């Protein structure tokens, strides 16, 4: 979803607990591929490590937040 938002000109911020994932998004952007290629997206995106989120308080307020975690991250 975030890659599609970035592709249409919005400014999503991706937050990830894994430094390797954050670095990969920063360097290569995001690529979302579908099996038949229709609707595939390749776009640049902003990524933060979860520890960097507190610094974003100095920026404009976030209007909408989508929070998604894997099931092993929930009780």
PDB file of N, CA and C in Angstrom:
ATOM      1  N   UNK A   1       0.822  -1.186   0.000  1.00  0.00           N
ATOM      2  CA  UNK A   1       0.000   0.000   0.000  1.00  0.00           C
ATOM      3  C   UNK A   1       0.873   1.261   0.000  1.00  0.00           C
ATOM      4  N   UNK A   2       1.903   1.262   0.844  1.00  0.00           N
ATOM      5  CA  UNK A   2       2.772   2.427   0.921  1.00  0.00           C
ATOM      6  C   UNK A   2       3.496   2.724  -0.377  1.00  0.00           C
ATOM      7  N   UNK A   3       3.917   1.696  -1.083  1.00  0.00           N
ATOM      8  CA  UNK A   3       4.599   1.896  -2.367  1.00  0.00           C
ATOM      9  C   UNK A   3       3.660   2.561  -3.365  1.00  0.00           C
ATOM     10  N   UNK A   4       2.413   2.169  -3.361  1.00  0.00           N
ATOM     11  CA  UNK A   4       1.431   2.784  -4.257  1.00  0.00           C
ATOM     12  C   UNK A   4       1.197   4.243  -3.873  1.00  0.00           C
ATOM     13  N   UNK A   5       1.165   4.550  -2.577  1.00  0.00           N
ATOM     14  CA  UNK A   5       1.014   5.938  -2.129  1.00  0.00           C
ATOM     15  C   UNK A   5       2.200   6.786  -2.593  1.00  0.00           C
ATOM     16  N   UNK A   6       3.409   6.247  -2.464  1.00  0.00           N
ATOM     17  CA  UNK A   6       4.599   6.975  -2.905  1.00  0.00           C
ATOM     18  C   UNK A   6       4.575   7.198  -4.414  1.00  0.00           C
ATOM     19  N   UNK A   7       4.117   6.195  -5.144  1.00  0.00           N
ATOM     20  CA  UNK A   7       4.101   6.291  -6.601  1.00  0.00           C
ATOM     21  C   UNK A   7       3.195   7.418  -7.095  1.00  0.00           C
ATOM     22  N   UNK A   8       2.122   7.712  -6.368  1.00  0.00           N
ATOM     23  CA  UNK A   8       1.207   8.772  -6.798  1.00  0.00           C
ATOM     24  C   UNK A   8       1.568  10.131  -6.201  1.00  0.00           C
ATOM     25  N   UNK A   9       2.740  10.224  -5.548  1.00  0.00           N
ATOM     26  CA  UNK A   9       3.222  11.517  -5.101  1.00  0.00           C
ATOM     27  C   UNK A   9       3.014  11.838  -3.632  1.00  0.00           C
ATOM     28  N   UNK A  10       2.437  10.952  -2.872  1.00  0.00           N
ATOM     29  CA  UNK A  10       2.314  11.179  -1.432  1.00  0.00           C
ATOM     30  C   UNK A  10       3.640  10.839  -0.766  1.00  0.00           C
ATOM     31  N   UNK A  11       3.769  11.123   0.509  1.00  0.00           N
ATOM     32  CA  UNK A  11       5.052  10.973   1.189  1.00  0.00           C
ATOM     33  C   UNK A  11       4.942  10.003   2.368  1.00  0.00           C
ATOM     34  N   UNK A  12       4.759   8.712   2.095  1.00  0.00           N
ATOM     35  CA  UNK A  12       4.679   7.766   3.206  1.00  0.00           C
ATOM     36  C   UNK A  12       6.037   7.583   3.873  1.00  0.00           C
ATOM     37  N   UNK A  13       6.002   7.284   5.140  1.00  0.00           N
ATOM     38  CA  UNK A  13       7.217   6.985   5.895  1.00  0.00           C
ATOM     39  C   UNK A  13       7.102   5.540   6.359  1.00  0.00           C
ATOM     40  N   UNK A  14       8.075   4.733   6.008  1.00  0.00           N
ATOM     41  CA  UNK A  14       8.078   3.337   6.416  1.00  0.00           C
ATOM     42  C   UNK A  14       8.934   3.194   7.661  1.00  0.00           C
ATOM     43  N   UNK A  15       8.401   2.549   8.680  1.00  0.00           N
ATOM     44  CA  UNK A  15       9.113   2.344   9.933  1.00  0.00           C
ATOM     45  C   UNK A  15       9.342   0.848  10.093  1.00  0.00           C
ATOM     46  N   UNK A  16      10.581   0.472  10.349  1.00  0.00           N
ATOM     47  CA  UNK A  16      10.916  -0.943  10.411  1.00  0.00           C
ATOM     48  C   UNK A  16      11.900  -1.182  11.554  1.00  0.00           C
ATOM     49  N   UNK A  17      11.759  -2.291  12.279  1.00  0.00           N
ATOM     50  CA  UNK A  17      12.689  -2.579  13.366  1.00  0.00           C
ATOM     51  C   UNK A  17      14.013  -3.192  12.898  1.00  0.00           C
ATOM     52  N   UNK A  18      14.107  -3.580  11.636  1.00  0.00           N
ATOM     53  CA  UNK A  18      15.297  -4.251  11.131  1.00  0.00           C
ATOM     54  C   UNK A  18      16.163  -3.265  10.352  1.00  0.00           C
ATOM     55  N   UNK A  19      17.358  -2.935  10.862  1.00  0.00           N
ATOM     56  CA  UNK A  19      18.232  -1.969  10.183  1.00  0.00           C
ATOM     57  C   UNK A  19      18.525  -2.336   8.728  1.00  0.00           C
ATOM     58  N   UNK A  20      18.653  -3.613   8.438  1.00  0.00           N
ATOM     59  CA  UNK A  20      18.945  -4.039   7.062  1.00  0.00           C
ATOM     60  C   UNK A  20      17.801  -3.667   6.125  1.00  0.00           C
ATOM     61  N   UNK A  21      16.574  -3.789   6.582  1.00  0.00           N
ATOM     62  CA  UNK A  21      15.425  -3.431   5.743  1.00  0.00           C
ATOM     63  C   UNK A  21      15.364  -1.929   5.514  1.00  0.00           C
ATOM     64  N   UNK A  22      15.607  -1.165   6.562  1.00  0.00           N
ATOM     65  CA  UNK A  22      15.605   0.292   6.438  1.00  0.00           C
ATOM     66  C   UNK A  22      16.673   0.722   5.433  1.00  0.00           C
ATOM     67  N   UNK A  23      17.852   0.178   5.551  1.00  0.00           N
ATOM     68  CA  UNK A  23      18.943   0.535   4.635  1.00  0.00           C
ATOM     69  C   UNK A  23      18.603   0.152   3.195  1.00  0.00           C
ATOM     70  N   UNK A  24      18.011  -1.006   2.998  1.00  0.00           N
ATOM     71  CA  UNK A  24      17.641  -1.445   1.647  1.00  0.00           C
ATOM     72  C   UNK A  24      16.607  -0.509   1.026  1.00  0.00           C
ATOM     73  N   UNK A  25      15.613  -0.097   1.808  1.00  0.00           N
ATOM     74  CA  UNK A  25      14.601   0.829   1.284  1.00  0.00           C
ATOM     75  C   UNK A  25      15.246   2.166   0.957  1.00  0.00           C
ATOM     76  N   UNK A  26      16.132   2.631   1.819  1.00  0.00           N
ATOM     77  CA  UNK A  26      16.810   3.910   1.565  1.00  0.00           C
ATOM     78  C   UNK A  26      17.660   3.856   0.308  1.00  0.00           C
ATOM     79  N   UNK A  27      18.339   2.750   0.089  1.00  0.00           N
ATOM     80  CA  UNK A  27      19.241   2.641  -1.061  1.00  0.00           C
ATOM     81  C   UNK A  27      18.529   2.299  -2.358  1.00  0.00           C
ATOM     82  N   UNK A  28      17.575   1.377  -2.296  1.00  0.00           N
ATOM     83  CA  UNK A  28      16.972   0.857  -3.525  1.00  0.00           C
ATOM     84  C   UNK A  28      15.498   1.191  -3.695  1.00  0.00           C
ATOM     85  N   UNK A  29      14.875   1.766  -2.679  1.00  0.00           N
ATOM     86  CA  UNK A  29      13.450   2.043  -2.769  1.00  0.00           C
ATOM     87  C   UNK A  29      12.657   0.767  -2.547  1.00  0.00           C
ATOM     88  N   UNK A  30      11.432   0.780  -2.992  1.00  0.00           N
ATOM     89  CA  UNK A  30      10.544  -0.367  -2.835  1.00  0.00           C
ATOM     90  C   UNK A  30      10.132  -0.905  -4.190  1.00  0.00           C
ATOM     91  N   UNK A  31      10.008  -2.192  -4.259  1.00  0.00           N
ATOM     92  CA  UNK A  31       9.497  -2.819  -5.473  1.00  0.00           C
ATOM     93  C   UNK A  31       8.433  -3.822  -5.066  1.00  0.00           C
ATOM     94  N   UNK A  32       7.250  -3.608  -5.590  1.00  0.00           N
ATOM     95  CA  UNK A  32       6.137  -4.516  -5.331  1.00  0.00           C
ATOM     96  C   UNK A  32       5.777  -5.136  -6.674  1.00  0.00           C
ATOM     97  N   UNK A  33       5.954  -6.426  -6.794  1.00  0.00           N
ATOM     98  CA  UNK A  33       5.699  -7.112  -8.060  1.00  0.00           C
ATOM     99  C   UNK A  33       4.539  -8.083  -7.893  1.00  0.00           C
ATOM    100  N   UNK A  34       3.683  -8.100  -8.864  1.00  0.00           N
ATOM    101  CA  UNK A  34       2.584  -9.070  -8.884  1.00  0.00           C
ATOM    102  C   UNK A  34       2.938 -10.176  -9.869  1.00  0.00           C
ATOM    103  N   UNK A  35       2.284 -11.284  -9.707  1.00  0.00           N
ATOM    104  CA  UNK A  35       2.631 -12.449 -10.520  1.00  0.00           C
ATOM    105  C   UNK A  35       2.524 -12.168 -12.011  1.00  0.00           C
ATOM    106  N   UNK A  36       1.501 -11.435 -12.427  1.00  0.00           N
ATOM    107  CA  UNK A  36       1.345 -11.184 -13.860  1.00  0.00           C
ATOM    108  C   UNK A  36       1.924  -9.831 -14.281  1.00  0.00           C
ATOM    109  N   UNK A  37       2.512  -9.096 -13.330  1.00  0.00           N
ATOM    110  CA  UNK A  37       3.131  -7.815 -13.651  1.00  0.00           C
ATOM    111  C   UNK A  37       2.179  -6.633 -13.609  1.00  0.00           C
ATOM    112  N   UNK A  38       0.873  -6.866 -13.705  1.00  0.00           N
ATOM    113  CA  UNK A  38      -0.096  -5.771 -13.677  1.00  0.00           C
ATOM    114  C   UNK A  38      -0.123  -5.148 -12.286  1.00  0.00           C
ATOM    115  N   UNK A  39      -0.019  -3.843 -12.220  1.00  0.00           N
ATOM    116  CA  UNK A  39      -0.067  -3.149 -10.943  1.00  0.00           C
ATOM    117  C   UNK A  39       1.236  -3.174 -10.179  1.00  0.00           C
ATOM    118  N   UNK A  40       2.318  -3.631 -10.797  1.00  0.00           N
ATOM    119  CA  UNK A  40       3.611  -3.642 -10.126  1.00  0.00           C
ATOM    120  C   UNK A  40       4.098  -2.209  -9.921  1.00  0.00           C
ATOM    121  N   UNK A  41       4.845  -1.991  -8.835  1.00  0.00           N
ATOM    122  CA  UNK A  41       5.305  -0.658  -8.473  1.00  0.00           C
ATOM    123  C   UNK A  41       6.788  -0.717  -8.114  1.00  0.00           C
ATOM    124  N   UNK A  42       7.546   0.252  -8.568  1.00  0.00           N
ATOM    125  CA  UNK A  42       8.929   0.431  -8.159  1.00  0.00           C
ATOM    126  C   UNK A  42       9.088   1.919  -7.869  1.00  0.00           C
ATOM    127  N   UNK A  43       9.397   2.281  -6.624  1.00  0.00           N
ATOM    128  CA  UNK A  43       9.418   3.685  -6.243  1.00  0.00           C
ATOM    129  C   UNK A  43      10.425   3.954  -5.135  1.00  0.00           C
ATOM    130  N   UNK A  44      10.882   5.174  -5.031  1.00  0.00           N
ATOM    131  CA  UNK A  44      11.719   5.613  -3.919  1.00  0.00           C
ATOM    132  C   UNK A  44      10.805   5.830  -2.724  1.00  0.00           C
ATOM    133  N   UNK A  45      11.337   5.648  -1.513  1.00  0.00           N
ATOM    134  CA  UNK A  45      10.526   5.834  -0.320  1.00  0.00           C
ATOM    135  C   UNK A  45      11.410   6.212   0.855  1.00  0.00           C
ATOM    136  N   UNK A  46      10.813   6.857   1.805  1.00  0.00           N
ATOM    137  CA  UNK A  46      11.515   7.239   3.033  1.00  0.00           C
ATOM    138  C   UNK A  46      11.337   6.129   4.057  1.00  0.00           C
ATOM    139  N   UNK A  47      12.427   5.760   4.713  1.00  0.00           N
ATOM    140  CA  UNK A  47      12.370   4.702   5.721  1.00  0.00           C
ATOM    141  C   UNK A  47      13.085   5.154   6.986  1.00  0.00           C
ATOM    142  N   UNK A  48      12.507   4.807   8.121  1.00  0.00           N
ATOM    143  CA  UNK A  48      13.091   5.098   9.421  1.00  0.00           C
ATOM    144  C   UNK A  48      13.213   3.817  10.222  1.00  0.00           C
ATOM    145  N   UNK A  49      14.264   3.737  11.008  1.00  0.00           N
ATOM    146  CA  UNK A  49      14.329   2.652  11.988  1.00  0.00           C
ATOM    147  C   UNK A  49      13.395   3.049  13.115  1.00  0.00           C
ATOM    148  N   UNK A  50      12.819   2.083  13.787  1.00  0.00           N
ATOM    149  CA  UNK A  50      11.863   2.355  14.847  1.00  0.00           C
ATOM    150  C   UNK A  50      12.449   3.298  15.904  1.00  0.00           C
ATOM    151  N   UNK A  51      13.739   3.245  16.137  1.00  0.00           N
ATOM    152  CA  UNK A  51      14.391   4.141  17.107  1.00  0.00           C
ATOM    153  C   UNK A  51      14.459   5.586  16.618  1.00  0.00           C
ATOM    154  N   UNK A  52      14.323   5.810  15.314  1.00  0.00           N
ATOM    155  CA  UNK A  52      14.399   7.153  14.743  1.00  0.00           C
ATOM    156  C   UNK A  52      13.056   7.882  14.742  1.00  0.00           C
ATOM    157  N   UNK A  53      11.992   7.198  15.077  1.00  0.00           N
ATOM    158  CA  UNK A  53      10.653   7.786  14.978  1.00  0.00           C
ATOM    159  C   UNK A  53      10.498   8.995  15.894  1.00  0.00           C
ATOM    160  N   UNK A  54      11.071   8.952  17.077  1.00  0.00           N
ATOM    161  CA  UNK A  54      10.928  10.061  18.023  1.00  0.00           C
ATOM    162  C   UNK A  54      11.453  11.370  17.434  1.00  0.00           C
ATOM    163  N   UNK A  55      12.445  11.294  16.553  1.00  0.00           N
ATOM    164  CA  UNK A  55      12.997  12.504  15.938  1.00  0.00           C
ATOM    165  C   UNK A  55      12.010  13.167  14.980  1.00  0.00           C
ATOM    166  N   UNK A  56      11.025  12.420  14.493  1.00  0.00           N
ATOM    167  CA  UNK A  56      10.064  12.983  13.542  1.00  0.00           C
ATOM    168  C   UNK A  56       9.105  13.968  14.210  1.00  0.00           C
ATOM    169  N   UNK A  57       9.157  14.104  15.530  1.00  0.00           N
ATOM    170  CA  UNK A  57       8.297  15.054  16.233  1.00  0.00           C
ATOM    171  C   UNK A  57       8.608  16.485  15.802  1.00  0.00           C
ATOM    172  N   UNK A  58       9.793  16.722  15.266  1.00  0.00           N
ATOM    173  CA  UNK A  58      10.196  18.056  14.805  1.00  0.00           C
ATOM    174  C   UNK A  58       9.639  18.384  13.414  1.00  0.00           C
ATOM    175  N   UNK A  59       9.003  17.416  12.776  1.00  0.00           N
ATOM    176  CA  UNK A  59       8.478  17.595  11.426  1.00  0.00           C
ATOM    177  C   UNK A  59       6.975  17.888  11.471  1.00  0.00           C
ATOM    178  N   UNK A  60       6.400  18.064  10.303  1.00  0.00           N
ATOM    179  CA  UNK A  60       4.950  18.267  10.215  1.00  0.00           C
ATOM    180  C   UNK A  60       4.228  17.066  10.795  1.00  0.00           C
ATOM    181  N   UNK A  61       3.061  17.288  11.376  1.00  0.00           N
ATOM    182  CA  UNK A  61       2.307  16.167  11.951  1.00  0.00           C
ATOM    183  C   UNK A  61       1.929  15.133  10.884  1.00  0.00           C
ATOM    184  N   UNK A  62       1.874  13.900  11.289  1.00  0.00           N
ATOM    185  CA  UNK A  62       1.434  12.818  10.399  1.00  0.00           C
ATOM    186  C   UNK A  62      -0.090  12.827  10.386  1.00  0.00           C
ATOM    187  N   UNK A  63      -0.650  12.865   9.203  1.00  0.00           N
ATOM    188  CA  UNK A  63      -2.097  12.961   9.080  1.00  0.00           C
ATOM    189  C   UNK A  63      -2.795  11.614   9.226  1.00  0.00           C
ATOM    190  N   UNK A  64      -2.193  10.565   8.690  1.00  0.00           N
ATOM    191  CA  UNK A  64      -2.785   9.233   8.730  1.00  0.00           C
ATOM    192  C   UNK A  64      -1.680   8.229   9.010  1.00  0.00           C
ATOM    193  N   UNK A  65      -1.963   7.260   9.849  1.00  0.00           N
ATOM    194  CA  UNK A  65      -0.982   6.211  10.139  1.00  0.00           C
ATOM    195  C   UNK A  65      -1.617   4.846   9.941  1.00  0.00           C
ATOM    196  N   UNK A  66      -0.942   4.003   9.186  1.00  0.00           N
ATOM    197  CA  UNK A  66      -1.313   2.596   9.042  1.00  0.00           C
ATOM    198  C   UNK A  66      -0.261   1.802   9.790  1.00  0.00           C
ATOM    199  N   UNK A  67      -0.690   0.978  10.705  1.00  0.00           N
ATOM    200  CA  UNK A  67       0.256   0.180  11.479  1.00  0.00           C
ATOM    201  C   UNK A  67      -0.015  -1.284  11.168  1.00  0.00           C
ATOM    202  N   UNK A  68       1.002  -1.966  10.689  1.00  0.00           N
ATOM    203  CA  UNK A  68       0.873  -3.380  10.364  1.00  0.00           C
ATOM    204  C   UNK A  68       2.046  -4.126  10.980  1.00  0.00           C
ATOM    205  N   UNK A  69       1.758  -5.193  11.670  1.00  0.00           N
ATOM    206  CA  UNK A  69       2.804  -6.028  12.268  1.00  0.00           C
ATOM    207  C   UNK A  69       2.537  -7.477  11.907  1.00  0.00           C
ATOM    208  N   UNK A  70       3.569  -8.262  11.976  1.00  0.00           N
ATOM    209  CA  UNK A  70       3.399  -9.701  11.769  1.00  0.00           C
ATOM    210  C   UNK A  70       2.843 -10.301  13.050  1.00  0.00           C
ATOM    211  N   UNK A  71       2.208 -11.421  12.939  1.00  0.00           N
ATOM    212  CA  UNK A  71       1.511 -11.998  14.100  1.00  0.00           C
ATOM    213  C   UNK A  71       2.444 -12.300  15.260  1.00  0.00           C
ATOM    214  N   UNK A  72       3.722 -12.586  15.006  1.00  0.00           N
ATOM    215  CA  UNK A  72       4.616 -12.874  16.116  1.00  0.00           C
ATOM    216  C   UNK A  72       4.975 -11.610  16.893  1.00  0.00           C
ATOM    217  N   UNK A  73       4.605 -10.420  16.379  1.00  0.00           N
ATOM    218  CA  UNK A  73       4.845  -9.168  17.098  1.00  0.00           C
ATOM    219  C   UNK A  73       3.654  -8.753  17.963  1.00  0.00           C
ATOM    220  N   UNK A  74       2.640  -9.556  18.018  1.00  0.00           N
ATOM    221  CA  UNK A  74       1.457  -9.249  18.814  1.00  0.00           C
ATOM    222  C   UNK A  74       1.306 -10.255  19.936  1.00  0.00           C
ATOM    223  N   UNK A  75       0.575  -9.873  20.951  1.00  0.00           N
ATOM    224  CA  UNK A  75       0.376 -10.782  22.089  1.00  0.00           C
ATOM    225  C   UNK A  75      -0.428 -12.013  21.689  1.00  0.00           C
TER     226      UNK A  75
END
